[in-house]
Amino acid sequence: MSTPDDFAQLKLHFIDPIQHHYEVIRSVVLLGETIATRSQQTGVAPAQISDKARRFVAGGMFALADGRAEHAGRPAHDFPEPIAATILYLKQLYPPIHFREIVRIVERKHGYTTNHSTVKRFLERHPIPIQLPLNWTTFHQFDDAYRACWTVVRMWAEGWSKKSIAGCMGLSRKHVHMIVAAFQRDGFAGLEDQRTRPPDHPANQLTLPFLKEVLDVQRDYPRAGRFRVRGLLEKRFEEQGRIGELPSERTIGRAMAKNRQFHDAPGPWASDTPSDPRDKAVKSCPISPPIATSIGSSTSDTLPVSPISGPTRFASSKAIRANYWRAWLHRIRI
């Protein structure tokens, strides 16, 4: 009679699972040993020993082979062609989209019910190795604000999550929440353009014709700054009867900067005269007041104004003015 230790040592020499299964049932089918006793010797459950013995008697040695590998997993699910095309298009359009979102969109658009696990297995069998650029219009590329907002609401109604809508349309999630909330509150009227920016906003004034006019002035007068450019444009606008359209000086400065960045306009004028290094040297105060200036509250914090460049603690401009007037009054008295 074998012991559990004998079977544990014998297991070390097995090179195939069938060897293990047959050794478990060998004494049962050949020597008539009980299943309970063999279970104690091998540590295998009695139900498993009984099942292996039954399979061996019915089918021989090959019946002990593990059949799980042949029937592992579910058979591949084939979607109808319109459903498969929609799933692949959604994955191409926005790769980070969640499988549950695809299930929701397919159900709302086609009335086809599936689950996220099936969609995941389908996409694993049909990978998208290369993401080609798609003809997709983002939110800020729409010419009409109403159509842009309606696209966001339509995607939300189809089953897209607000996070995916924001990523696909190039928006922030807060903006998507605001558009959907406005539609839920006011209906289609909430999709109208609600921007309060005035018509004379600088972003509305920097049009290509205006930038061209500023560019012509910059090239005719390369040393002119925004103040002078505005004066030259004012004369032209007055002659053309468009004086009311003349932007502010700061708007013209922004237009000049854009022309320098994108249209090769002359840069800011700089003098050709070489600078004198003595102009950058630290100079002393022009006066020498007889009274020291107290900056702090204690007497040890007294600092003379002249020279300013000597100590590391500098006097404030208020202290300098006070010393100046004290010296001036002192000379008056003399």
C-alpha atoms as a PDB file:
ATOM      1  CA  MET A   1       0.000   0.000   0.000  1.00  0.00           C
ATOM      2  CA  SER A   2       1.437   3.341  -1.066  1.00  0.00           C
ATOM      3  CA  THR A   3       1.575   6.395   1.149  1.00  0.00           C
ATOM      4  CA  PRO A   4       1.027  10.121   0.388  1.00  0.00           C
ATOM      5  CA  ASP A   5       4.784  10.637   0.522  1.00  0.00           C
ATOM      6  CA  ASP A   6       5.296   8.016  -2.176  1.00  0.00           C
ATOM      7  CA  PHE A   7       2.827   9.745  -4.510  1.00  0.00           C
ATOM      8  CA  ALA A   8       4.403  13.168  -3.812  1.00  0.00           C
ATOM      9  CA  GLN A   9       7.818  11.789  -4.794  1.00  0.00           C
ATOM     10  CA  LEU A  10       6.377  10.101  -7.877  1.00  0.00           C
ATOM     11  CA  LYS A  11       4.825  13.374  -9.071  1.00  0.00           C
ATOM     12  CA  LEU A  12       8.267  14.854  -9.467  1.00  0.00           C
ATOM     13  CA  HIS A  13       9.004  12.472 -12.366  1.00  0.00           C
ATOM     14  CA  PHE A  14       5.830  13.117 -14.369  1.00  0.00           C
ATOM     15  CA  ILE A  15       6.402  14.776 -17.750  1.00  0.00           C
ATOM     16  CA  ASP A  16       2.796  14.820 -18.992  1.00  0.00           C
ATOM     17  CA  PRO A  17      -0.552  15.552 -17.294  1.00  0.00           C
ATOM     18  CA  ILE A  18      -1.941  12.244 -18.540  1.00  0.00           C
ATOM     19  CA  GLN A  19       0.678  10.435 -16.471  1.00  0.00           C
ATOM     20  CA  HIS A  20      -0.608  12.173 -13.363  1.00  0.00           C
ATOM     21  CA  HIS A  21      -4.243  11.379 -14.115  1.00  0.00           C
ATOM     22  CA  TYR A  22      -3.534   7.706 -14.789  1.00  0.00           C
ATOM     23  CA  GLU A  23      -1.385   7.270 -11.680  1.00  0.00           C
ATOM     24  CA  VAL A  24      -4.246   8.713  -9.611  1.00  0.00           C
ATOM     25  CA  ILE A  25      -6.713   6.067 -10.827  1.00  0.00           C
ATOM     26  CA  ARG A  26      -4.269   3.162 -11.512  1.00  0.00           C
ATOM     27  CA  SER A  27      -4.771   1.344  -8.200  1.00  0.00           C
ATOM     28  CA  VAL A  28      -8.535   1.944  -8.426  1.00  0.00           C
ATOM     29  CA  VAL A  29      -9.065   0.410 -11.879  1.00  0.00           C
ATOM     30  CA  LEU A  30      -6.399  -2.333 -11.591  1.00  0.00           C
ATOM     31  CA  LEU A  31      -6.274  -3.334  -7.939  1.00  0.00           C
ATOM     32  CA  GLY A  32      -9.813  -2.456  -6.844  1.00  0.00           C
ATOM     33  CA  GLU A  33      -8.730   0.106  -4.253  1.00  0.00           C
ATOM     34  CA  THR A  34     -11.484   2.315  -2.910  1.00  0.00           C
ATOM     35  CA  ILE A  35     -11.803   5.874  -4.102  1.00  0.00           C
ATOM     36  CA  ALA A  36     -11.727   7.227  -0.519  1.00  0.00           C
ATOM     37  CA  THR A  37      -8.426   5.506   0.238  1.00  0.00           C
ATOM     38  CA  ARG A  38      -6.865   6.682  -3.002  1.00  0.00           C
ATOM     39  CA  SER A  39      -8.037  10.194  -2.282  1.00  0.00           C
ATOM     40  CA  GLN A  40      -6.173  10.156   1.039  1.00  0.00           C
ATOM     41  CA  GLN A  41      -3.004   8.881  -0.626  1.00  0.00           C
ATOM     42  CA  THR A  42      -2.965  11.370  -3.515  1.00  0.00           C
ATOM     43  CA  GLY A  43      -4.719  14.397  -2.033  1.00  0.00           C
ATOM     44  CA  VAL A  44      -7.134  14.516  -4.994  1.00  0.00           C
ATOM     45  CA  ALA A  45     -10.852  14.939  -4.315  1.00  0.00           C
ATOM     46  CA  PRO A  46     -12.932  11.726  -4.521  1.00  0.00           C
ATOM     47  CA  ALA A  47     -15.244  13.276  -7.122  1.00  0.00           C
ATOM     48  CA  GLN A  48     -12.297  13.975  -9.426  1.00  0.00           C
ATOM     49  CA  ILE A  49     -10.934  10.435  -9.029  1.00  0.00           C
ATOM     50  CA  SER A  50     -14.356   8.983  -9.794  1.00  0.00           C
ATOM     51  CA  ASP A  51     -14.707  11.199 -12.896  1.00  0.00           C
ATOM     52  CA  LYS A  52     -11.233  10.263 -14.181  1.00  0.00           C
ATOM     53  CA  ALA A  53     -11.887   6.556 -13.648  1.00  0.00           C
ATOM     54  CA  ARG A  54     -15.203   6.764 -15.468  1.00  0.00           C
ATOM     55  CA  ARG A  55     -13.614   8.564 -18.432  1.00  0.00           C
ATOM     56  CA  PHE A  56     -10.773   5.999 -18.554  1.00  0.00           C
ATOM     57  CA  VAL A  57     -13.154   3.038 -18.641  1.00  0.00           C
ATOM     58  CA  ALA A  58     -15.269   4.692 -21.348  1.00  0.00           C
ATOM     59  CA  GLY A  59     -12.584   6.138 -23.605  1.00  0.00           C
ATOM     60  CA  GLY A  60      -9.242   4.724 -22.653  1.00  0.00           C
ATOM     61  CA  MET A  61      -6.041   6.611 -22.033  1.00  0.00           C
ATOM     62  CA  PHE A  62      -6.839   9.481 -24.404  1.00  0.00           C
ATOM     63  CA  ALA A  63     -10.003  10.249 -22.451  1.00  0.00           C
ATOM     64  CA  LEU A  64      -7.801  11.477 -19.590  1.00  0.00           C
ATOM     65  CA  ALA A  65      -6.503  14.360 -21.726  1.00  0.00           C
ATOM     66  CA  ASP A  66      -7.605  17.831 -20.608  1.00  0.00           C
ATOM     67  CA  GLY A  67     -10.449  18.919 -22.851  1.00  0.00           C
ATOM     68  CA  ARG A  68     -10.656  22.463 -21.525  1.00  0.00           C
ATOM     69  CA  ALA A  69      -8.176  23.850 -24.051  1.00  0.00           C
ATOM     70  CA  GLU A  70     -10.394  22.669 -26.931  1.00  0.00           C
ATOM     71  CA  HIS A  71     -13.495  24.423 -25.590  1.00  0.00           C
ATOM     72  CA  ALA A  72     -11.898  27.404 -23.851  1.00  0.00           C
ATOM     73  CA  GLY A  73     -13.734  30.716 -24.181  1.00  0.00           C
ATOM     74  CA  ARG A  74     -16.828  31.630 -26.121  1.00  0.00           C
ATOM     75  CA  PRO A  75     -17.059  31.393 -29.892  1.00  0.00           C
ATOM     76  CA  ALA A  76     -16.254  34.616 -31.737  1.00  0.00           C
ATOM     77  CA  HIS A  77     -19.271  36.858 -32.163  1.00  0.00           C
ATOM     78  CA  ASP A  78     -19.898  38.243 -35.633  1.00  0.00           C
ATOM     79  CA  PHE A  79     -21.640  41.613 -35.713  1.00  0.00           C
ATOM     80  CA  PRO A  80     -23.839  42.623 -38.640  1.00  0.00           C
ATOM     81  CA  GLU A  81     -21.987  44.756 -41.163  1.00  0.00           C
ATOM     82  CA  PRO A  82     -23.570  48.130 -40.164  1.00  0.00           C
ATOM     83  CA  ILE A  83     -22.877  47.453 -36.479  1.00  0.00           C
ATOM     84  CA  ALA A  84     -19.276  46.397 -37.127  1.00  0.00           C
ATOM     85  CA  ALA A  85     -18.694  49.494 -39.279  1.00  0.00           C
ATOM     86  CA  THR A  86     -20.059  51.756 -36.534  1.00  0.00           C
ATOM     87  CA  ILE A  87     -17.860  50.160 -33.861  1.00  0.00           C
ATOM     88  CA  LEU A  88     -14.722  50.492 -35.974  1.00  0.00           C
ATOM     89  CA  TYR A  89     -15.576  54.086 -36.927  1.00  0.00           C
ATOM     90  CA  LEU A  90     -16.074  55.111 -33.291  1.00  0.00           C
ATOM     91  CA  LYS A  91     -12.754  53.527 -32.327  1.00  0.00           C
ATOM     92  CA  GLN A  92     -11.000  55.298 -35.195  1.00  0.00           C
ATOM     93  CA  LEU A  93     -12.656  58.618 -34.424  1.00  0.00           C
ATOM     94  CA  TYR A  94     -11.721  58.654 -30.736  1.00  0.00           C
ATOM     95  CA  PRO A  95      -9.372  55.816 -29.673  1.00  0.00           C
ATOM     96  CA  PRO A  96      -9.730  56.452 -25.872  1.00  0.00           C
ATOM     97  CA  ILE A  97     -13.496  55.818 -26.063  1.00  0.00           C
ATOM     98  CA  HIS A  98     -14.745  53.281 -23.515  1.00  0.00           C
ATOM     99  CA  PHE A  99     -16.308  50.006 -24.593  1.00  0.00           C
ATOM    100  CA  ARG A 100     -19.468  50.746 -22.603  1.00  0.00           C
ATOM    101  CA  GLU A 101     -19.893  53.989 -24.534  1.00  0.00           C
ATOM    102  CA  ILE A 102     -19.693  52.055 -27.804  1.00  0.00           C
ATOM    103  CA  VAL A 103     -22.380  49.667 -26.528  1.00  0.00           C
ATOM    104  CA  ARG A 104     -24.619  52.608 -25.591  1.00  0.00           C
ATOM    105  CA  ILE A 105     -24.110  54.396 -28.921  1.00  0.00           C
ATOM    106  CA  VAL A 106     -24.789  51.242 -30.947  1.00  0.00           C
ATOM    107  CA  GLU A 107     -27.971  50.566 -28.985  1.00  0.00           C
ATOM    108  CA  ARG A 108     -29.301  54.107 -29.431  1.00  0.00           C
ATOM    109  CA  LYS A 109     -28.386  54.429 -33.101  1.00  0.00           C
ATOM    110  CA  HIS A 110     -29.212  50.925 -34.359  1.00  0.00           C
ATOM    111  CA  GLY A 111     -31.270  49.352 -31.565  1.00  0.00           C
ATOM    112  CA  TYR A 112     -28.702  46.526 -31.377  1.00  0.00           C
ATOM    113  CA  THR A 113     -28.003  45.151 -27.895  1.00  0.00           C
ATOM    114  CA  THR A 114     -24.561  43.829 -26.973  1.00  0.00           C
ATOM    115  CA  ASN A 115     -22.117  44.125 -24.078  1.00  0.00           C
ATOM    116  CA  HIS A 116     -18.724  45.658 -23.494  1.00  0.00           C
ATOM    117  CA  SER A 117     -16.927  42.296 -23.289  1.00  0.00           C
ATOM    118  CA  THR A 118     -18.134  41.307 -26.759  1.00  0.00           C
ATOM    119  CA  VAL A 119     -17.088  44.683 -28.168  1.00  0.00           C
ATOM    120  CA  LYS A 120     -13.677  44.322 -26.542  1.00  0.00           C
ATOM    121  CA  ARG A 121     -13.105  40.872 -28.066  1.00  0.00           C
ATOM    122  CA  PHE A 122     -14.275  42.150 -31.457  1.00  0.00           C
ATOM    123  CA  LEU A 123     -11.807  45.037 -31.396  1.00  0.00           C
ATOM    124  CA  GLU A 124      -9.017  42.678 -30.317  1.00  0.00           C
ATOM    125  CA  ARG A 125      -9.695  40.589 -33.422  1.00  0.00           C
ATOM    126  CA  HIS A 126      -9.862  43.722 -35.614  1.00  0.00           C
ATOM    127  CA  PRO A 127      -7.092  46.037 -34.375  1.00  0.00           C
ATOM    128  CA  ILE A 128      -6.487  49.456 -35.896  1.00  0.00           C
ATOM    129  CA  PRO A 129      -2.705  49.552 -36.401  1.00  0.00           C
ATOM    130  CA  ILE A 130      -2.549  53.019 -38.008  1.00  0.00           C
ATOM    131  CA  GLN A 131      -4.664  56.017 -37.021  1.00  0.00           C
ATOM    132  CA  LEU A 132      -5.288  57.912 -40.245  1.00  0.00           C
ATOM    133  CA  PRO A 133      -6.447  61.550 -40.112  1.00  0.00           C
ATOM    134  CA  LEU A 134     -10.220  61.746 -40.341  1.00  0.00           C
ATOM    135  CA  ASN A 135     -12.334  64.492 -41.828  1.00  0.00           C
ATOM    136  CA  TRP A 136     -13.760  65.623 -38.501  1.00  0.00           C
ATOM    137  CA  THR A 137     -14.713  69.202 -37.609  1.00  0.00           C
ATOM    138  CA  THR A 138     -13.916  70.218 -34.037  1.00  0.00           C
ATOM    139  CA  PHE A 139     -15.961  72.712 -32.044  1.00  0.00           C
ATOM    140  CA  HIS A 140     -13.933  75.828 -32.810  1.00  0.00           C
ATOM    141  CA  GLN A 141     -13.747  75.037 -36.539  1.00  0.00           C
ATOM    142  CA  PHE A 142     -17.480  75.522 -37.061  1.00  0.00           C
ATOM    143  CA  ASP A 143     -18.499  78.770 -38.741  1.00  0.00           C
ATOM    144  CA  ASP A 144     -21.860  78.734 -36.958  1.00  0.00           C
ATOM    145  CA  ALA A 145     -21.936  78.548 -33.153  1.00  0.00           C
ATOM    146  CA  TYR A 146     -25.409  76.972 -33.248  1.00  0.00           C
ATOM    147  CA  ARG A 147     -24.190  74.021 -35.326  1.00  0.00           C
ATOM    148  CA  ALA A 148     -21.212  73.545 -33.032  1.00  0.00           C
ATOM    149  CA  CYS A 149     -23.436  73.382 -29.931  1.00  0.00           C
ATOM    150  CA  TRP A 150     -25.910  71.129 -31.707  1.00  0.00           C
ATOM    151  CA  THR A 151     -23.106  68.687 -32.575  1.00  0.00           C
ATOM    152  CA  VAL A 152     -22.200  68.469 -28.879  1.00  0.00           C
ATOM    153  CA  VAL A 153     -25.833  67.821 -27.894  1.00  0.00           C
ATOM    154  CA  ARG A 154     -26.289  65.256 -30.681  1.00  0.00           C
ATOM    155  CA  MET A 155     -23.224  63.288 -29.540  1.00  0.00           C
ATOM    156  CA  TRP A 156     -24.485  63.401 -25.955  1.00  0.00           C
ATOM    157  CA  ALA A 157     -27.910  62.128 -27.075  1.00  0.00           C
ATOM    158  CA  GLU A 158     -26.263  59.298 -29.051  1.00  0.00           C
ATOM    159  CA  GLY A 159     -24.596  58.001 -25.895  1.00  0.00           C
ATOM    160  CA  TRP A 160     -21.180  59.667 -25.824  1.00  0.00           C
ATOM    161  CA  SER A 161     -19.905  60.523 -22.376  1.00  0.00           C
ATOM    162  CA  LYS A 162     -19.129  64.171 -21.675  1.00  0.00           C
ATOM    163  CA  LYS A 163     -15.464  63.333 -21.164  1.00  0.00           C
ATOM    164  CA  SER A 164     -15.236  61.729 -24.617  1.00  0.00           C
ATOM    165  CA  ILE A 165     -17.158  64.607 -26.205  1.00  0.00           C
ATOM    166  CA  ALA A 166     -14.686  67.068 -24.717  1.00  0.00           C
ATOM    167  CA  GLY A 167     -11.712  65.091 -25.993  1.00  0.00           C
ATOM    168  CA  CYS A 168     -13.166  64.524 -29.450  1.00  0.00           C
ATOM    169  CA  MET A 169     -14.433  68.089 -29.991  1.00  0.00           C
ATOM    170  CA  GLY A 170     -11.461  69.878 -28.432  1.00  0.00           C
ATOM    171  CA  LEU A 171     -13.403  71.367 -25.505  1.00  0.00           C
ATOM    172  CA  SER A 172     -13.172  71.393 -21.753  1.00  0.00           C
ATOM    173  CA  ARG A 173     -15.578  69.199 -19.805  1.00  0.00           C
ATOM    174  CA  LYS A 174     -16.961  72.305 -18.112  1.00  0.00           C
ATOM    175  CA  HIS A 175     -17.920  73.744 -21.512  1.00  0.00           C
ATOM    176  CA  VAL A 176     -19.658  70.492 -22.489  1.00  0.00           C
ATOM    177  CA  HIS A 177     -21.598  70.494 -19.198  1.00  0.00           C
ATOM    178  CA  MET A 178     -22.713  74.080 -19.841  1.00  0.00           C
ATOM    179  CA  ILE A 179     -23.955  73.318 -23.374  1.00  0.00           C
ATOM    180  CA  VAL A 180     -25.875  70.209 -22.294  1.00  0.00           C
ATOM    181  CA  ALA A 181     -27.346  72.014 -19.268  1.00  0.00           C
ATOM    182  CA  ALA A 182     -28.474  74.921 -21.473  1.00  0.00           C
ATOM    183  CA  PHE A 183     -30.177  72.474 -23.858  1.00  0.00           C
ATOM    184  CA  GLN A 184     -31.912  70.647 -21.002  1.00  0.00           C
ATOM    185  CA  ARG A 185     -33.062  73.955 -19.527  1.00  0.00           C
ATOM    186  CA  ASP A 186     -34.066  75.993 -22.608  1.00  0.00           C
ATOM    187  CA  GLY A 187     -34.298  73.449 -25.410  1.00  0.00           C
ATOM    188  CA  PHE A 188     -33.035  74.497 -28.832  1.00  0.00           C
ATOM    189  CA  ALA A 189     -33.117  78.166 -27.803  1.00  0.00           C
ATOM    190  CA  GLY A 190     -30.282  77.417 -25.394  1.00  0.00           C
ATOM    191  CA  LEU A 191     -28.028  76.516 -28.336  1.00  0.00           C
ATOM    192  CA  GLU A 192     -28.068  80.051 -29.736  1.00  0.00           C
ATOM    193  CA  ASP A 193     -24.898  82.109 -29.485  1.00  0.00           C
ATOM    194  CA  GLN A 194     -24.925  83.589 -25.972  1.00  0.00           C
ATOM    195  CA  ARG A 195     -21.583  85.401 -26.150  1.00  0.00           C
ATOM    196  CA  THR A 196     -21.628  88.932 -24.758  1.00  0.00           C
ATOM    197  CA  ARG A 197     -18.462  90.165 -26.464  1.00  0.00           C
ATOM    198  CA  PRO A 198     -19.051  93.638 -27.955  1.00  0.00           C
ATOM    199  CA  PRO A 199     -18.704  94.122 -31.727  1.00  0.00           C
ATOM    200  CA  ASP A 200     -15.680  96.414 -31.281  1.00  0.00           C
ATOM    201  CA  HIS A 201     -13.738  93.780 -29.319  1.00  0.00           C
ATOM    202  CA  PRO A 202     -10.071  93.627 -30.426  1.00  0.00           C
ATOM    203  CA  ALA A 203     -10.498  90.008 -31.513  1.00  0.00           C
ATOM    204  CA  ASN A 204     -13.200  91.147 -33.950  1.00  0.00           C
ATOM    205  CA  GLN A 205     -11.146  94.090 -35.242  1.00  0.00           C
ATOM    206  CA  LEU A 206      -7.968  92.201 -36.134  1.00  0.00           C
ATOM    207  CA  THR A 207      -9.224  91.169 -39.572  1.00  0.00           C
ATOM    208  CA  LEU A 208      -6.965  90.443 -42.525  1.00  0.00           C
ATOM    209  CA  PRO A 209      -7.840  93.722 -44.366  1.00  0.00           C
ATOM    210  CA  PHE A 210      -7.024  95.753 -41.256  1.00  0.00           C
ATOM    211  CA  LEU A 211      -3.773  93.839 -40.679  1.00  0.00           C
ATOM    212  CA  LYS A 212      -2.870  94.594 -44.306  1.00  0.00           C
ATOM    213  CA  GLU A 213      -3.455  98.324 -43.755  1.00  0.00           C
ATOM    214  CA  VAL A 214      -1.272  98.303 -40.641  1.00  0.00           C
ATOM    215  CA  LEU A 215       1.388  96.311 -42.492  1.00  0.00           C
ATOM    216  CA  ASP A 216       1.525  98.897 -45.298  1.00  0.00           C
ATOM    217  CA  VAL A 217       2.070 101.677 -42.758  1.00  0.00           C
ATOM    218  CA  GLN A 218       4.758  99.641 -40.973  1.00  0.00           C
ATOM    219  CA  ARG A 219       6.648  99.146 -44.224  1.00  0.00           C
ATOM    220  CA  ASP A 220       6.310 102.803 -45.252  1.00  0.00           C
ATOM    221  CA  TYR A 221       7.397 104.024 -41.808  1.00  0.00           C
ATOM    222  CA  PRO A 222       9.577 101.304 -40.245  1.00  0.00           C
ATOM    223  CA  ARG A 223      10.586 103.541 -37.307  1.00  0.00           C
ATOM    224  CA  ALA A 224       7.001 104.403 -36.346  1.00  0.00           C
ATOM    225  CA  GLY A 225       5.547 103.054 -33.117  1.00  0.00           C
ATOM    226  CA  ARG A 226       1.931 102.286 -32.386  1.00  0.00           C
ATOM    227  CA  PHE A 227       1.127 105.907 -31.467  1.00  0.00           C
ATOM    228  CA  ARG A 228       2.422 107.279 -34.748  1.00  0.00           C
ATOM    229  CA  VAL A 229       0.916 104.412 -36.761  1.00  0.00           C
ATOM    230  CA  ARG A 230      -2.469 105.212 -35.253  1.00  0.00           C
ATOM    231  CA  GLY A 231      -2.061 108.848 -36.261  1.00  0.00           C
ATOM    232  CA  LEU A 232      -1.256 107.884 -39.861  1.00  0.00           C
ATOM    233  CA  LEU A 233      -4.196 105.475 -39.951  1.00  0.00           C
ATOM    234  CA  GLU A 234      -6.448 108.157 -38.519  1.00  0.00           C
ATOM    235  CA  LYS A 235      -5.696 110.404 -41.497  1.00  0.00           C
ATOM    236  CA  ARG A 236      -6.414 107.580 -43.951  1.00  0.00           C
ATOM    237  CA  PHE A 237      -9.631 106.569 -42.205  1.00  0.00           C
ATOM    238  CA  GLU A 238     -10.783 110.191 -42.092  1.00  0.00           C
ATOM    239  CA  GLU A 239     -10.222 110.557 -45.834  1.00  0.00           C
ATOM    240  CA  GLN A 240     -12.200 107.365 -46.465  1.00  0.00           C
ATOM    241  CA  GLY A 241     -15.026 108.305 -44.081  1.00  0.00           C
ATOM    242  CA  ARG A 242     -14.275 105.413 -41.715  1.00  0.00           C
ATOM    243  CA  ILE A 243     -13.103 107.350 -38.690  1.00  0.00           C
ATOM    244  CA  GLY A 244     -15.587 105.486 -36.504  1.00  0.00           C
ATOM    245  CA  GLU A 245     -13.864 102.172 -37.277  1.00  0.00           C
ATOM    246  CA  LEU A 246     -10.452 103.286 -36.041  1.00  0.00           C
ATOM    247  CA  PRO A 247      -9.281 100.917 -33.251  1.00  0.00           C
ATOM    248  CA  SER A 248      -7.460 101.965 -30.124  1.00  0.00           C
ATOM    249  CA  GLU A 249      -3.716 102.378 -29.832  1.00  0.00           C
ATOM    250  CA  ARG A 250      -3.333  99.072 -27.952  1.00  0.00           C
ATOM    251  CA  THR A 251      -5.264  97.195 -30.666  1.00  0.00           C
ATOM    252  CA  ILE A 252      -2.971  98.659 -33.298  1.00  0.00           C
ATOM    253  CA  GLY A 253       0.001  97.557 -31.189  1.00  0.00           C
ATOM    254  CA  ARG A 254      -1.361  93.981 -31.201  1.00  0.00           C
ATOM    255  CA  ALA A 255      -1.828  94.162 -34.976  1.00  0.00           C
ATOM    256  CA  MET A 256       1.788  95.332 -35.391  1.00  0.00           C
ATOM    257  CA  ALA A 257       2.998  92.430 -33.247  1.00  0.00           C
ATOM    258  CA  LYS A 258       1.037  89.913 -35.356  1.00  0.00           C
ATOM    259  CA  ASN A 259       2.477  91.397 -38.545  1.00  0.00           C
ATOM    260  CA  ARG A 260       5.993  91.060 -37.141  1.00  0.00           C
ATOM    261  CA  GLN A 261       5.311  87.452 -36.200  1.00  0.00           C
ATOM    262  CA  PHE A 262       3.577  86.224 -39.346  1.00  0.00           C
ATOM    263  CA  HIS A 263       4.049  88.783 -42.160  1.00  0.00           C
ATOM    264  CA  ASP A 264       7.719  89.831 -41.867  1.00  0.00           C
ATOM    265  CA  ALA A 265       6.937  93.382 -40.788  1.00  0.00           C
ATOM    266  CA  PRO A 266       9.852  95.595 -39.677  1.00  0.00           C
ATOM    267  CA  GLY A 267      10.817  95.023 -36.076  1.00  0.00           C
ATOM    268  CA  PRO A 268      10.946  97.659 -33.326  1.00  0.00           C
ATOM    269  CA  TRP A 269      13.398 100.406 -34.156  1.00  0.00           C
ATOM    270  CA  ALA A 270      16.695 100.429 -32.291  1.00  0.00           C
ATOM    271  CA  SER A 271      19.311 103.189 -32.420  1.00  0.00           C
ATOM    272  CA  ASP A 272      22.546 102.489 -34.275  1.00  0.00           C
ATOM    273  CA  THR A 273      24.521 104.674 -31.882  1.00  0.00           C
ATOM    274  CA  PRO A 274      26.650 102.498 -29.583  1.00  0.00           C
ATOM    275  CA  SER A 275      25.754 102.877 -25.954  1.00  0.00           C
ATOM    276  CA  ASP A 276      28.245 104.419 -23.561  1.00  0.00           C
ATOM    277  CA  PRO A 277      29.103 101.986 -20.743  1.00  0.00           C
ATOM    278  CA  ARG A 278      29.488 104.964 -18.413  1.00  0.00           C
ATOM    279  CA  ASP A 279      25.735 105.565 -18.680  1.00  0.00           C
ATOM    280  CA  LYS A 280      25.122 102.211 -16.932  1.00  0.00           C
ATOM    281  CA  ALA A 281      27.532 102.934 -14.092  1.00  0.00           C
ATOM    282  CA  VAL A 282      26.057 103.519 -10.641  1.00  0.00           C
ATOM    283  CA  LYS A 283      26.149 107.208  -9.815  1.00  0.00           C
ATOM    284  CA  SER A 284      26.195 108.938  -6.481  1.00  0.00           C
ATOM    285  CA  CYS A 285      23.472 111.240  -5.246  1.00  0.00           C
ATOM    286  CA  PRO A 286      23.995 114.776  -6.696  1.00  0.00           C
ATOM    287  CA  ILE A 287      23.802 116.360  -3.239  1.00  0.00           C
ATOM    288  CA  SER A 288      25.472 115.687   0.082  1.00  0.00           C
ATOM    289  CA  PRO A 289      22.921 116.541   2.775  1.00  0.00           C
ATOM    290  CA  PRO A 290      24.361 117.337   6.181  1.00  0.00           C
ATOM    291  CA  ILE A 291      21.696 115.272   7.939  1.00  0.00           C
ATOM    292  CA  ALA A 292      21.651 111.478   7.818  1.00  0.00           C
ATOM    293  CA  THR A 293      18.350 109.769   6.977  1.00  0.00           C
ATOM    294  CA  SER A 294      16.882 107.372   9.511  1.00  0.00           C
ATOM    295  CA  ILE A 295      15.151 104.496   7.721  1.00  0.00           C
ATOM    296  CA  GLY A 296      14.421 102.322  10.723  1.00  0.00           C
ATOM    297  CA  SER A 297      13.243 103.093  14.216  1.00  0.00           C
ATOM    298  CA  SER A 298      16.623 102.545  15.925  1.00  0.00           C
ATOM    299  CA  THR A 299      19.664 104.829  15.738  1.00  0.00           C
ATOM    300  CA  SER A 300      21.810 101.967  14.437  1.00  0.00           C
ATOM    301  CA  ASP A 301      19.636 101.875  11.294  1.00  0.00           C
ATOM    302  CA  THR A 302      20.773 105.307  10.141  1.00  0.00           C
ATOM    303  CA  LEU A 303      21.954 105.388   6.518  1.00  0.00           C
ATOM    304  CA  PRO A 304      23.414 108.373   4.670  1.00  0.00           C
ATOM    305  CA  VAL A 305      21.949 108.925   1.234  1.00  0.00           C
ATOM    306  CA  SER A 306      25.298 109.723  -0.425  1.00  0.00           C
ATOM    307  CA  PRO A 307      26.742 107.624  -1.883  1.00  0.00           C
ATOM    308  CA  ILE A 308      23.865 105.223  -2.714  1.00  0.00           C
ATOM    309  CA  SER A 309      26.122 102.560  -4.236  1.00  0.00           C
ATOM    310  CA  GLY A 310      28.313 102.080  -1.135  1.00  0.00           C
ATOM    311  CA  PRO A 311      26.287 100.180   1.498  1.00  0.00           C
ATOM    312  CA  THR A 312      24.152  97.184   0.711  1.00  0.00           C
ATOM    313  CA  ARG A 313      21.094  98.796   2.360  1.00  0.00           C
ATOM    314  CA  PHE A 314      19.606 101.415   0.049  1.00  0.00           C
ATOM    315  CA  ALA A 315      17.542 104.408   1.047  1.00  0.00           C
ATOM    316  CA  SER A 316      13.970 104.661  -0.213  1.00  0.00           C
ATOM    317  CA  SER A 317      12.852 107.314  -2.690  1.00  0.00           C
ATOM    318  CA  LYS A 318      10.852 108.997   0.075  1.00  0.00           C
ATOM    319  CA  ALA A 319      13.993 109.332   2.181  1.00  0.00           C
ATOM    320  CA  ILE A 320      15.914 110.758  -0.786  1.00  0.00           C
ATOM    321  CA  ARG A 321      13.256 113.422  -1.357  1.00  0.00           C
ATOM    322  CA  ALA A 322      13.239 114.321   2.314  1.00  0.00           C
ATOM    323  CA  ASN A 323      17.026 114.774   2.351  1.00  0.00           C
ATOM    324  CA  TYR A 324      16.880 116.834  -0.835  1.00  0.00           C
ATOM    325  CA  TRP A 325      14.454 119.327   0.634  1.00  0.00           C
ATOM    326  CA  ARG A 326      16.354 119.450   3.908  1.00  0.00           C
ATOM    327  CA  ALA A 327      19.572 120.317   2.060  1.00  0.00           C
ATOM    328  CA  TRP A 328      17.744 122.901  -0.053  1.00  0.00           C
ATOM    329  CA  LEU A 329      16.250 124.586   3.016  1.00  0.00           C
ATOM    330  CA  HIS A 330      19.638 124.449   4.725  1.00  0.00           C
ATOM    331  CA  ARG A 331      21.259 126.352   1.847  1.00  0.00           C
ATOM    332  CA  ILE A 332      18.410 128.877   1.822  1.00  0.00           C
ATOM    333  CA  ARG A 333      19.108 129.664   5.475  1.00  0.00           C
ATOM    334  CA  ILE A 334      22.781 130.156   4.709  1.00  0.00           C
END
